[in-house]
C-alpha atoms as a PDB file:
ATOM      1  CA  MET A   1       2.023   1.525 -11.259  1.00  0.00           C
ATOM      2  CA  LYS A   2       5.656   1.864 -10.191  1.00  0.00           C
ATOM      3  CA  ASP A   3       5.974   4.859 -12.527  1.00  0.00           C
ATOM      4  CA  MET A   4       3.700   6.713 -10.081  1.00  0.00           C
ATOM      5  CA  LEU A   5       6.156   6.355  -7.194  1.00  0.00           C
ATOM      6  CA  HIS A   6       7.275   9.790  -6.013  1.00  0.00           C
ATOM      7  CA  PRO A   7      10.906  10.531  -7.007  1.00  0.00           C
ATOM      8  CA  GLU A   8      11.625  11.515  -3.404  1.00  0.00           C
ATOM      9  CA  VAL A   9      10.533   8.051  -2.304  1.00  0.00           C
ATOM     10  CA  GLN A  10      12.663   6.331  -4.920  1.00  0.00           C
ATOM     11  CA  MET A  11      15.670   8.335  -3.753  1.00  0.00           C
ATOM     12  CA  ILE A  12      15.194   7.120  -0.174  1.00  0.00           C
ATOM     13  CA  LEU A  13      14.661   3.523  -1.298  1.00  0.00           C
ATOM     14  CA  ASP A  14      17.890   3.663  -3.325  1.00  0.00           C
ATOM     15  CA  LEU A  15      19.745   5.163  -0.358  1.00  0.00           C
ATOM     16  CA  LEU A  16      18.590   2.373   1.963  1.00  0.00           C
ATOM     17  CA  ILE A  17      20.002  -0.186  -0.457  1.00  0.00           C
ATOM     18  CA  GLU A  18      23.225   1.762  -0.967  1.00  0.00           C
ATOM     19  CA  LYS A  19      23.817   2.142   2.782  1.00  0.00           C
ATOM     20  CA  ASN A  20      22.774  -1.462   3.454  1.00  0.00           C
ATOM     21  CA  ILE A  21      20.397  -0.371   6.233  1.00  0.00           C
ATOM     22  CA  PRO A  22      19.117  -3.487   8.040  1.00  0.00           C
ATOM     23  CA  SER A  23      15.372  -4.100   7.968  1.00  0.00           C
ATOM     24  CA  MET A  24      13.556  -4.052  11.298  1.00  0.00           C
ATOM     25  CA  GLU A  25      12.641  -7.743  11.254  1.00  0.00           C
ATOM     26  CA  THR A  26      16.360  -8.637  11.301  1.00  0.00           C
ATOM     27  CA  LEU A  27      16.740  -6.979  14.708  1.00  0.00           C
ATOM     28  CA  ASP A  28      15.461  -8.086  18.081  1.00  0.00           C
ATOM     29  CA  PRO A  29      12.803  -5.744  19.537  1.00  0.00           C
ATOM     30  CA  PRO A  30      15.129  -3.688  21.788  1.00  0.00           C
ATOM     31  CA  GLU A  31      17.543  -3.187  18.867  1.00  0.00           C
ATOM     32  CA  ALA A  32      14.659  -2.331  16.539  1.00  0.00           C
ATOM     33  CA  ARG A  33      13.318   0.272  18.978  1.00  0.00           C
ATOM     34  CA  LYS A  34      16.758   1.869  19.260  1.00  0.00           C
ATOM     35  CA  ALA A  35      17.205   1.899  15.481  1.00  0.00           C
ATOM     36  CA  TYR A  36      13.752   3.419  14.907  1.00  0.00           C
ATOM     37  CA  LEU A  37      14.459   6.218  17.357  1.00  0.00           C
ATOM     38  CA  GLU A  38      17.969   6.902  16.025  1.00  0.00           C
ATOM     39  CA  ARG A  39      16.862   7.004  12.381  1.00  0.00           C
ATOM     40  CA  GLY A  40      14.171   9.580  13.102  1.00  0.00           C
ATOM     41  CA  PRO A  41      16.319  12.750  12.778  1.00  0.00           C
ATOM     42  CA  ASN A  42      17.438  11.613   9.312  1.00  0.00           C
ATOM     43  CA  VAL A  43      13.903  11.888   7.931  1.00  0.00           C
ATOM     44  CA  GLN A  44      12.020  14.132  10.362  1.00  0.00           C
ATOM     45  CA  PRO A  45      12.153  17.947  10.308  1.00  0.00           C
ATOM     46  CA  PRO A  46      13.374  19.808  13.400  1.00  0.00           C
ATOM     47  CA  PRO A  47      10.671  19.690  16.105  1.00  0.00           C
ATOM     48  CA  PRO A  48       8.793  22.999  16.138  1.00  0.00           C
ATOM     49  CA  GLU A  49       8.355  25.052  19.265  1.00  0.00           C
ATOM     50  CA  VAL A  50       4.968  24.625  20.955  1.00  0.00           C
ATOM     51  CA  GLY A  51       3.187  26.466  23.750  1.00  0.00           C
ATOM     52  CA  GLU A  52       3.719  23.823  26.428  1.00  0.00           C
ATOM     53  CA  VAL A  53       4.923  20.247  26.827  1.00  0.00           C
ATOM     54  CA  LEU A  54       4.058  18.204  29.902  1.00  0.00           C
ATOM     55  CA  ASN A  55       4.966  14.606  30.691  1.00  0.00           C
ATOM     56  CA  LEU A  56       2.127  12.940  32.582  1.00  0.00           C
ATOM     57  CA  ARG A  57       0.981   9.532  33.765  1.00  0.00           C
ATOM     58  CA  ALA A  58      -2.506   8.136  33.432  1.00  0.00           C
ATOM     59  CA  ILE A  59      -3.360   6.067  36.504  1.00  0.00           C
ATOM     60  CA  CYS A  60      -5.207   3.006  35.246  1.00  0.00           C
ATOM     61  CA  PRO A  61      -6.174  -0.486  36.485  1.00  0.00           C
ATOM     62  CA  ASP A  62      -3.065  -2.088  34.913  1.00  0.00           C
ATOM     63  CA  GLY A  63      -0.688   0.560  36.248  1.00  0.00           C
ATOM     64  CA  SER A  64       0.351   3.990  35.021  1.00  0.00           C
ATOM     65  CA  ILE A  65       0.637   4.887  31.337  1.00  0.00           C
ATOM     66  CA  PRO A  66       3.130   7.590  30.279  1.00  0.00           C
ATOM     67  CA  LEU A  67       1.573  10.450  28.324  1.00  0.00           C
ATOM     68  CA  ARG A  68       2.961  13.598  26.752  1.00  0.00           C
ATOM     69  CA  LEU A  69       0.723  16.661  26.471  1.00  0.00           C
ATOM     70  CA  TYR A  70       1.313  19.407  23.893  1.00  0.00           C
ATOM     71  CA  ARG A  71      -0.437  22.763  23.817  1.00  0.00           C
ATOM     72  CA  PRO A  72      -0.141  24.804  20.613  1.00  0.00           C
ATOM     73  CA  LEU A  73       2.156  27.743  20.126  1.00  0.00           C
ATOM     74  CA  GLY A  74       0.453  30.948  21.231  1.00  0.00           C
ATOM     75  CA  ASP A  75      -1.744  29.258  23.821  1.00  0.00           C
ATOM     76  CA  ASN A  76      -1.838  31.281  27.027  1.00  0.00           C
ATOM     77  CA  GLY A  77      -2.330  28.223  29.208  1.00  0.00           C
ATOM     78  CA  LYS A  78      -5.743  29.392  30.380  1.00  0.00           C
ATOM     79  CA  GLN A  79      -7.942  28.299  27.498  1.00  0.00           C
ATOM     80  CA  THR A  80      -9.925  25.074  27.529  1.00  0.00           C
ATOM     81  CA  LEU A  81      -8.938  23.426  24.255  1.00  0.00           C
ATOM     82  CA  PRO A  82     -10.200  20.510  22.195  1.00  0.00           C
ATOM     83  CA  VAL A  83      -7.944  17.465  22.456  1.00  0.00           C
ATOM     84  CA  LEU A  84      -6.536  14.879  20.069  1.00  0.00           C
ATOM     85  CA  VAL A  85      -5.315  11.686  21.750  1.00  0.00           C
ATOM     86  CA  TRP A  86      -2.598  10.228  19.516  1.00  0.00           C
ATOM     87  CA  PHE A  87      -1.381   6.607  19.366  1.00  0.00           C
ATOM     88  CA  HIS A  88       2.016   6.186  17.694  1.00  0.00           C
ATOM     89  CA  GLY A  89       2.817   3.656  15.000  1.00  0.00           C
ATOM     90  CA  GLY A  90       5.443   0.930  15.082  1.00  0.00           C
ATOM     91  CA  GLY A  91       3.637  -2.393  14.775  1.00  0.00           C
ATOM     92  CA  TRP A  92       2.858  -2.495  18.525  1.00  0.00           C
ATOM     93  CA  VAL A  93       6.559  -3.403  18.963  1.00  0.00           C
ATOM     94  CA  ILE A  94       8.576  -0.225  18.341  1.00  0.00           C
ATOM     95  CA  GLY A  95       7.916   3.508  18.683  1.00  0.00           C
ATOM     96  CA  ASP A  96       7.350   5.737  21.694  1.00  0.00           C
ATOM     97  CA  LEU A  97       6.674   9.317  22.749  1.00  0.00           C
ATOM     98  CA  ASP A  98       9.982  10.491  21.287  1.00  0.00           C
ATOM     99  CA  THR A  99       9.666   8.881  17.847  1.00  0.00           C
ATOM    100  CA  HIS A 100       6.425  10.807  17.275  1.00  0.00           C
ATOM    101  CA  ASP A 101       7.293  13.985  19.165  1.00  0.00           C
ATOM    102  CA  CYS A 102       7.751  16.088  16.024  1.00  0.00           C
ATOM    103  CA  LEU A 103       4.463  14.907  14.487  1.00  0.00           C
ATOM    104  CA  CYS A 104       2.515  15.633  17.676  1.00  0.00           C
ATOM    105  CA  ARG A 105       3.989  19.133  17.857  1.00  0.00           C
ATOM    106  CA  GLU A 106       2.922  19.764  14.261  1.00  0.00           C
ATOM    107  CA  LEU A 107      -0.565  18.429  14.962  1.00  0.00           C
ATOM    108  CA  ALA A 108      -0.949  20.709  17.978  1.00  0.00           C
ATOM    109  CA  ASN A 109       0.307  23.868  16.284  1.00  0.00           C
ATOM    110  CA  ARG A 110      -1.639  23.442  13.060  1.00  0.00           C
ATOM    111  CA  SER A 111      -4.912  22.342  14.657  1.00  0.00           C
ATOM    112  CA  GLY A 112      -4.964  24.706  17.629  1.00  0.00           C
ATOM    113  CA  CYS A 113      -5.842  21.677  19.754  1.00  0.00           C
ATOM    114  CA  CYS A 114      -4.153  20.095  22.708  1.00  0.00           C
ATOM    115  CA  VAL A 115      -2.494  16.831  21.641  1.00  0.00           C
ATOM    116  CA  ILE A 116      -1.814  14.010  24.105  1.00  0.00           C
ATOM    117  CA  SER A 117       0.483  11.201  22.962  1.00  0.00           C
ATOM    118  CA  VAL A 118       0.134   7.791  24.613  1.00  0.00           C
ATOM    119  CA  ASP A 119       3.078   5.491  25.410  1.00  0.00           C
ATOM    120  CA  TYR A 120       1.124   2.226  25.475  1.00  0.00           C
ATOM    121  CA  ARG A 121       2.773  -1.087  26.346  1.00  0.00           C
ATOM    122  CA  LEU A 122       4.561  -2.934  23.530  1.00  0.00           C
ATOM    123  CA  GLY A 123       5.029  -6.543  22.495  1.00  0.00           C
ATOM    124  CA  PRO A 124       6.511  -9.024  22.860  1.00  0.00           C
ATOM    125  CA  GLU A 125       6.890  -8.084  26.535  1.00  0.00           C
ATOM    126  CA  HIS A 126       3.194  -7.178  26.684  1.00  0.00           C
ATOM    127  CA  LYS A 127       1.034  -9.134  24.269  1.00  0.00           C
ATOM    128  CA  PHE A 128      -2.398  -8.333  22.832  1.00  0.00           C
ATOM    129  CA  PRO A 129      -4.659  -6.913  24.172  1.00  0.00           C
ATOM    130  CA  ALA A 130      -2.332  -4.905  26.461  1.00  0.00           C
ATOM    131  CA  ALA A 131      -1.959  -2.083  23.920  1.00  0.00           C
ATOM    132  CA  VAL A 132      -5.729  -1.949  23.427  1.00  0.00           C
ATOM    133  CA  ASP A 133      -6.311  -1.807  27.176  1.00  0.00           C
ATOM    134  CA  ASP A 134      -3.766   0.985  27.598  1.00  0.00           C
ATOM    135  CA  ALA A 135      -5.192   2.952  24.693  1.00  0.00           C
ATOM    136  CA  PHE A 136      -8.768   2.812  25.968  1.00  0.00           C
ATOM    137  CA  ASN A 137      -7.832   3.340  29.615  1.00  0.00           C
ATOM    138  CA  SER A 138      -5.726   6.364  28.713  1.00  0.00           C
ATOM    139  CA  VAL A 139      -8.611   7.978  26.820  1.00  0.00           C
ATOM    140  CA  LYS A 140     -10.958   7.351  29.736  1.00  0.00           C
ATOM    141  CA  TRP A 141      -8.416   8.870  32.148  1.00  0.00           C
ATOM    142  CA  ILE A 142      -7.917  11.910  29.931  1.00  0.00           C
ATOM    143  CA  ALA A 143     -11.675  12.515  29.708  1.00  0.00           C
ATOM    144  CA  ALA A 144     -12.089  12.044  33.468  1.00  0.00           C
ATOM    145  CA  ASN A 145      -9.300  14.550  34.182  1.00  0.00           C
ATOM    146  CA  ALA A 146     -10.310  17.085  31.548  1.00  0.00           C
ATOM    147  CA  ARG A 147     -10.712  19.984  33.983  1.00  0.00           C
ATOM    148  CA  GLU A 148      -7.191  19.605  35.390  1.00  0.00           C
ATOM    149  CA  LEU A 149      -5.753  19.178  31.879  1.00  0.00           C
ATOM    150  CA  ARG A 150      -7.640  22.254  30.606  1.00  0.00           C
ATOM    151  CA  ILE A 151      -9.277  20.334  27.785  1.00  0.00           C
ATOM    152  CA  ASP A 152     -12.880  19.979  26.628  1.00  0.00           C
ATOM    153  CA  PRO A 153     -14.096  16.348  26.929  1.00  0.00           C
ATOM    154  CA  LYS A 154     -16.923  17.143  24.500  1.00  0.00           C
ATOM    155  CA  ARG A 155     -14.343  17.940  21.827  1.00  0.00           C
ATOM    156  CA  LEU A 156     -12.181  14.838  22.096  1.00  0.00           C
ATOM    157  CA  ALA A 157     -10.714  13.109  19.039  1.00  0.00           C
ATOM    158  CA  VAL A 158      -8.546  10.017  18.729  1.00  0.00           C
ATOM    159  CA  GLY A 159      -5.976   9.324  16.059  1.00  0.00           C
ATOM    160  CA  GLY A 160      -2.906   7.368  15.166  1.00  0.00           C
ATOM    161  CA  ASP A 161      -0.663   6.099  12.406  1.00  0.00           C
ATOM    162  CA  SER A 162      -0.353   2.434  11.380  1.00  0.00           C
ATOM    163  CA  ALA A 163      -0.676   0.347  14.567  1.00  0.00           C
ATOM    164  CA  GLY A 164      -1.742   3.574  16.263  1.00  0.00           C
ATOM    165  CA  GLY A 165      -4.487   4.003  13.672  1.00  0.00           C
ATOM    166  CA  ASN A 166      -5.644   0.511  14.546  1.00  0.00           C
ATOM    167  CA  LEU A 167      -5.814   1.461  18.228  1.00  0.00           C
ATOM    168  CA  ALA A 168      -7.729   4.664  17.461  1.00  0.00           C
ATOM    169  CA  ALA A 169     -10.285   2.685  15.446  1.00  0.00           C
ATOM    170  CA  VAL A 170     -10.658   0.090  18.198  1.00  0.00           C
ATOM    171  CA  VAL A 171     -10.969   2.726  20.937  1.00  0.00           C
ATOM    172  CA  SER A 172     -13.753   4.404  18.947  1.00  0.00           C
ATOM    173  CA  ILE A 173     -15.712   1.139  18.907  1.00  0.00           C
ATOM    174  CA  LEU A 174     -15.077   0.435  22.590  1.00  0.00           C
ATOM    175  CA  ALA A 175     -16.176   3.946  23.567  1.00  0.00           C
ATOM    176  CA  ARG A 176     -19.380   3.531  21.576  1.00  0.00           C
ATOM    177  CA  ASP A 177     -20.098   0.181  23.224  1.00  0.00           C
ATOM    178  CA  GLU A 178     -19.456   1.507  26.742  1.00  0.00           C
ATOM    179  CA  ARG A 179     -21.193   4.831  25.960  1.00  0.00           C
ATOM    180  CA  ALA A 180     -18.181   6.733  27.275  1.00  0.00           C
ATOM    181  CA  PRO A 181     -16.047   8.618  26.791  1.00  0.00           C
ATOM    182  CA  GLU A 182     -17.700  10.581  24.000  1.00  0.00           C
ATOM    183  CA  ILE A 183     -15.412  10.680  20.964  1.00  0.00           C
ATOM    184  CA  ALA A 184     -16.086  13.378  18.402  1.00  0.00           C
ATOM    185  CA  HIS A 185     -13.719  12.362  15.601  1.00  0.00           C
ATOM    186  CA  GLN A 186     -11.184   9.706  14.562  1.00  0.00           C
ATOM    187  CA  ILE A 187      -8.102  10.188  12.379  1.00  0.00           C
ATOM    188  CA  LEU A 188      -6.727   6.948  10.963  1.00  0.00           C
ATOM    189  CA  VAL A 189      -3.433   7.252   9.085  1.00  0.00           C
ATOM    190  CA  TYR A 190      -2.604   4.127   7.039  1.00  0.00           C
ATOM    191  CA  PRO A 191      -4.263   2.008   9.754  1.00  0.00           C
ATOM    192  CA  VAL A 192      -3.914  -1.724  10.276  1.00  0.00           C
ATOM    193  CA  THR A 193      -7.475  -3.059  10.093  1.00  0.00           C
ATOM    194  CA  ASP A 194      -7.152  -6.762   9.218  1.00  0.00           C
ATOM    195  CA  LEU A 195      -4.232  -8.846  10.439  1.00  0.00           C
ATOM    196  CA  HIS A 196      -5.051 -11.710   8.053  1.00  0.00           C
ATOM    197  CA  ARG A 197      -2.990  -9.976   5.317  1.00  0.00           C
ATOM    198  CA  GLY A 198      -5.355 -11.109   2.554  1.00  0.00           C
ATOM    199  CA  HIS A 199      -5.862  -7.834   0.693  1.00  0.00           C
ATOM    200  CA  PRO A 200      -4.283  -7.425  -2.778  1.00  0.00           C
ATOM    201  CA  SER A 201      -1.916  -4.594  -1.771  1.00  0.00           C
ATOM    202  CA  GLN A 202      -0.227  -6.989   0.647  1.00  0.00           C
ATOM    203  CA  LYS A 203       1.160  -8.774  -2.436  1.00  0.00           C
ATOM    204  CA  THR A 204       1.638  -5.881  -4.827  1.00  0.00           C
ATOM    205  CA  ASN A 205       3.359  -3.697  -2.213  1.00  0.00           C
ATOM    206  CA  GLY A 206       4.816  -6.378   0.041  1.00  0.00           C
ATOM    207  CA  GLU A 207       8.402  -6.001  -1.158  1.00  0.00           C
ATOM    208  CA  GLY A 208      10.597  -3.046  -1.976  1.00  0.00           C
ATOM    209  CA  TYR A 209       8.738  -0.221  -0.208  1.00  0.00           C
ATOM    210  CA  VAL A 210      10.307  -0.281   3.304  1.00  0.00           C
ATOM    211  CA  LEU A 211       7.339  -1.951   5.055  1.00  0.00           C
ATOM    212  CA  THR A 212       7.432  -5.540   3.798  1.00  0.00           C
ATOM    213  CA  GLY A 213       5.436  -8.689   4.335  1.00  0.00           C
ATOM    214  CA  ALA A 214       8.295 -10.121   6.393  1.00  0.00           C
ATOM    215  CA  MET A 215       8.253  -7.041   8.615  1.00  0.00           C
ATOM    216  CA  LEU A 216       4.498  -7.316   9.130  1.00  0.00           C
ATOM    217  CA  ASP A 217       4.901 -10.967  10.114  1.00  0.00           C
ATOM    218  CA  TYR A 218       7.564  -9.890  12.614  1.00  0.00           C
ATOM    219  CA  PHE A 219       5.337  -7.236  14.162  1.00  0.00           C
ATOM    220  CA  TYR A 220       2.188  -9.357  14.258  1.00  0.00           C
ATOM    221  CA  SER A 221       3.939 -12.375  15.774  1.00  0.00           C
ATOM    222  CA  HIS A 222       5.417 -10.211  18.544  1.00  0.00           C
ATOM    223  CA  TYR A 223       2.061  -8.530  19.182  1.00  0.00           C
ATOM    224  CA  LEU A 224      -0.383 -11.429  19.221  1.00  0.00           C
ATOM    225  CA  LEU A 225      -0.544 -13.966  22.015  1.00  0.00           C
ATOM    226  CA  GLU A 226      -1.926 -16.616  19.642  1.00  0.00           C
ATOM    227  CA  PRO A 227      -2.307 -16.603  15.823  1.00  0.00           C
ATOM    228  CA  SER A 228      -6.056 -16.936  16.345  1.00  0.00           C
ATOM    229  CA  ASP A 229      -6.058 -13.469  17.978  1.00  0.00           C
ATOM    230  CA  LYS A 230      -6.083 -11.944  14.498  1.00  0.00           C
ATOM    231  CA  LYS A 231      -9.774 -12.939  14.334  1.00  0.00           C
ATOM    232  CA  ASP A 232     -10.558 -10.740  17.343  1.00  0.00           C
ATOM    233  CA  TRP A 233     -12.031  -7.427  16.157  1.00  0.00           C
ATOM    234  CA  ARG A 234      -9.898  -5.629  18.749  1.00  0.00           C
ATOM    235  CA  ALA A 235      -6.910  -6.722  16.635  1.00  0.00           C
ATOM    236  CA  SER A 236      -8.704  -6.540  13.257  1.00  0.00           C
ATOM    237  CA  PRO A 237     -11.431  -3.864  13.526  1.00  0.00           C
ATOM    238  CA  LEU A 238     -12.531  -4.489   9.933  1.00  0.00           C
ATOM    239  CA  LEU A 239     -13.977  -7.763  11.276  1.00  0.00           C
ATOM    240  CA  ALA A 240     -16.187  -6.063  13.876  1.00  0.00           C
ATOM    241  CA  ASN A 241     -19.797  -7.200  13.587  1.00  0.00           C
ATOM    242  CA  ASP A 242     -21.185  -3.697  14.095  1.00  0.00           C
ATOM    243  CA  LEU A 243     -19.585  -0.493  12.816  1.00  0.00           C
ATOM    244  CA  THR A 244     -22.654   1.716  13.214  1.00  0.00           C
ATOM    245  CA  GLY A 245     -22.778   4.785  15.424  1.00  0.00           C
ATOM    246  CA  LEU A 246     -19.062   5.608  15.252  1.00  0.00           C
ATOM    247  CA  PRO A 247     -17.419   9.048  15.202  1.00  0.00           C
ATOM    248  CA  PRO A 248     -16.801  10.763  11.859  1.00  0.00           C
ATOM    249  CA  ALA A 249     -13.526   9.539  10.409  1.00  0.00           C
ATOM    250  CA  LEU A 250     -10.675  10.683   8.210  1.00  0.00           C
ATOM    251  CA  VAL A 251      -8.779   7.729   6.722  1.00  0.00           C
ATOM    252  CA  LEU A 252      -5.461   8.349   4.937  1.00  0.00           C
ATOM    253  CA  THR A 253      -3.533   5.694   3.025  1.00  0.00           C
ATOM    254  CA  ALA A 254      -0.462   5.498   0.769  1.00  0.00           C
ATOM    255  CA  GLY A 255      -0.462   4.027  -2.732  1.00  0.00           C
ATOM    256  CA  PHE A 256       2.659   1.874  -2.280  1.00  0.00           C
ATOM    257  CA  ASP A 257       1.774   0.619   1.199  1.00  0.00           C
ATOM    258  CA  PRO A 258       0.891  -3.036   1.818  1.00  0.00           C
ATOM    259  CA  LEU A 259      -1.790  -1.722   4.211  1.00  0.00           C
ATOM    260  CA  ARG A 260      -3.429   0.441   1.542  1.00  0.00           C
ATOM    261  CA  ASP A 261      -6.331  -1.835   0.662  1.00  0.00           C
ATOM    262  CA  GLU A 262      -7.357  -2.704   4.209  1.00  0.00           C
ATOM    263  CA  GLY A 263      -7.371   0.997   5.072  1.00  0.00           C
ATOM    264  CA  ALA A 264      -9.581   1.684   2.059  1.00  0.00           C
ATOM    265  CA  ALA A 265     -11.804  -1.269   2.966  1.00  0.00           C
ATOM    266  CA  TYR A 266     -12.268   0.106   6.468  1.00  0.00           C
ATOM    267  CA  ALA A 267     -13.261   3.513   5.090  1.00  0.00           C
ATOM    268  CA  VAL A 268     -15.826   1.803   2.846  1.00  0.00           C
ATOM    269  CA  ALA A 269     -17.134  -0.282   5.748  1.00  0.00           C
ATOM    270  CA  LEU A 270     -17.503   2.806   7.939  1.00  0.00           C
ATOM    271  CA  THR A 271     -19.432   4.581   5.196  1.00  0.00           C
ATOM    272  CA  LYS A 272     -21.694   1.596   4.530  1.00  0.00           C
ATOM    273  CA  ALA A 273     -22.470   1.492   8.258  1.00  0.00           C
ATOM    274  CA  GLY A 274     -23.738   5.069   8.060  1.00  0.00           C
ATOM    275  CA  ASN A 275     -20.735   6.927   9.436  1.00  0.00           C
ATOM    276  CA  GLU A 276     -19.415  10.147   7.932  1.00  0.00           C
ATOM    277  CA  THR A 277     -16.072   9.105   6.459  1.00  0.00           C
ATOM    278  CA  THR A 278     -13.500  10.893   4.311  1.00  0.00           C
ATOM    279  CA  TYR A 279     -10.934   8.771   2.481  1.00  0.00           C
ATOM    280  CA  VAL A 280      -7.749  10.118   0.868  1.00  0.00           C
ATOM    281  CA  CYS A 281      -4.959   8.052  -0.702  1.00  0.00           C
ATOM    282  CA  PHE A 282      -1.551   9.605  -1.337  1.00  0.00           C
ATOM    283  CA  GLU A 283      -0.999   7.522  -4.436  1.00  0.00           C
ATOM    284  CA  ARG A 284       2.754   8.158  -4.823  1.00  0.00           C
ATOM    285  CA  GLN A 285       3.713   7.523  -1.210  1.00  0.00           C
ATOM    286  CA  ILE A 286       4.819   4.667   1.051  1.00  0.00           C
ATOM    287  CA  HIS A 287       3.947   3.611   4.569  1.00  0.00           C
ATOM    288  CA  GLY A 288       5.282   5.951   7.232  1.00  0.00           C
ATOM    289  CA  PHE A 289       5.528   9.053   5.077  1.00  0.00           C
ATOM    290  CA  ILE A 290       3.613  11.400   7.394  1.00  0.00           C
ATOM    291  CA  THR A 291       6.455  11.389   9.942  1.00  0.00           C
ATOM    292  CA  MET A 292       9.129  11.924   7.254  1.00  0.00           C
ATOM    293  CA  GLY A 293       8.657  15.593   6.419  1.00  0.00           C
ATOM    294  CA  LYS A 294      12.392  16.252   6.099  1.00  0.00           C
ATOM    295  CA  VAL A 295      12.575  14.105   2.943  1.00  0.00           C
ATOM    296  CA  PHE A 296       8.951  13.813   1.726  1.00  0.00           C
ATOM    297  CA  HIS A 297       7.057  16.993   0.880  1.00  0.00           C
ATOM    298  CA  ASP A 298       3.761  15.068   0.939  1.00  0.00           C
ATOM    299  CA  ALA A 299       4.030  14.817   4.728  1.00  0.00           C
ATOM    300  CA  SER A 300       3.026  18.442   5.211  1.00  0.00           C
ATOM    301  CA  PRO A 301      -0.243  18.353   3.218  1.00  0.00           C
ATOM    302  CA  ALA A 302      -1.119  15.066   4.916  1.00  0.00           C
ATOM    303  CA  ILE A 303      -0.717  16.692   8.329  1.00  0.00           C
ATOM    304  CA  SER A 304      -2.733  19.656   7.101  1.00  0.00           C
ATOM    305  CA  LEU A 305      -5.578  17.346   6.069  1.00  0.00           C
ATOM    306  CA  CYS A 306      -5.669  15.920   9.600  1.00  0.00           C
ATOM    307  CA  THR A 307      -5.484  19.259  11.337  1.00  0.00           C
ATOM    308  CA  GLY A 308      -7.925  20.875   8.925  1.00  0.00           C
ATOM    309  CA  GLU A 309     -10.524  18.283   9.875  1.00  0.00           C
ATOM    310  CA  LEU A 310      -9.938  19.001  13.549  1.00  0.00           C
ATOM    311  CA  ARG A 311     -10.282  22.742  13.038  1.00  0.00           C
ATOM    312  CA  ARG A 312     -13.460  22.232  11.009  1.00  0.00           C
ATOM    313  CA  ARG A 313     -14.968  19.975  13.669  1.00  0.00           C
ATOM    314  CA  PHE A 314     -13.921  21.904  16.733  1.00  0.00           C
ATOM    315  CA  PHE A 315     -13.643  25.579  15.798  1.00  0.00           C
ATOM    316  CA  SER A 316     -16.201  26.250  13.048  1.00  0.00           C
END
């Protein structure tokens, strides 16, 4: 299997060893957040110009949640656009609006949609389910303020990478259960779906491919209030009793990712529950590749898959 690893990935793995770059779990959360942000320009392409960027705040029961709104290049500011609400990755511990700024710009420009990125609260300062609450409350606020934001609440999608993919999946279930807001599509990029870490790829890919088992333990321990929280479907959506009646989904995974098998299992579970689900695995890639377009050419087609689905859903 290792022979399938993309040469670009192997080059980066070798460079990390050569430069003795510390792994995230060796840093305390503030240091890890700083390192994640500072390493971004080394692997991310220059952020493309977009039509408009606005920093906003969603006013919610637990306080205000920072948001960043992107309108695509060429938008005249008067159109009512479909919207993708994006939840960034980072194990619910690291990541913010800036670490995923380039990706959100790409998503907006290529899809023709408005993209709104959510800066949900992070652990360990804010334990589970704070991130879930912020994610769902932000989507409800966005839908309720659609007119002012110049977006169409009937063409609202949610998406995210890694921990953000987990939040997008959970928000889709919550919205179904509460019958609002109406979510038209979900994009889940190498999502966390089962915090028990029992799937085979956790062992086969748990060392040597940047995201390790030790790093997952670090993230999960900082996120969860109690170890038993991993049984809660809001932390592990694969364990939800009912996955029927959910929005159509695109699920992307990476072949050398410890999260690969739980992402695939969630796609299968969605399909078995009667939901329209597309599953694509980038067999030669590792976790995090979609934000690393400066060094991994596979990032661009992965983004195009996501934005192509949005265009097909919202503009055809």
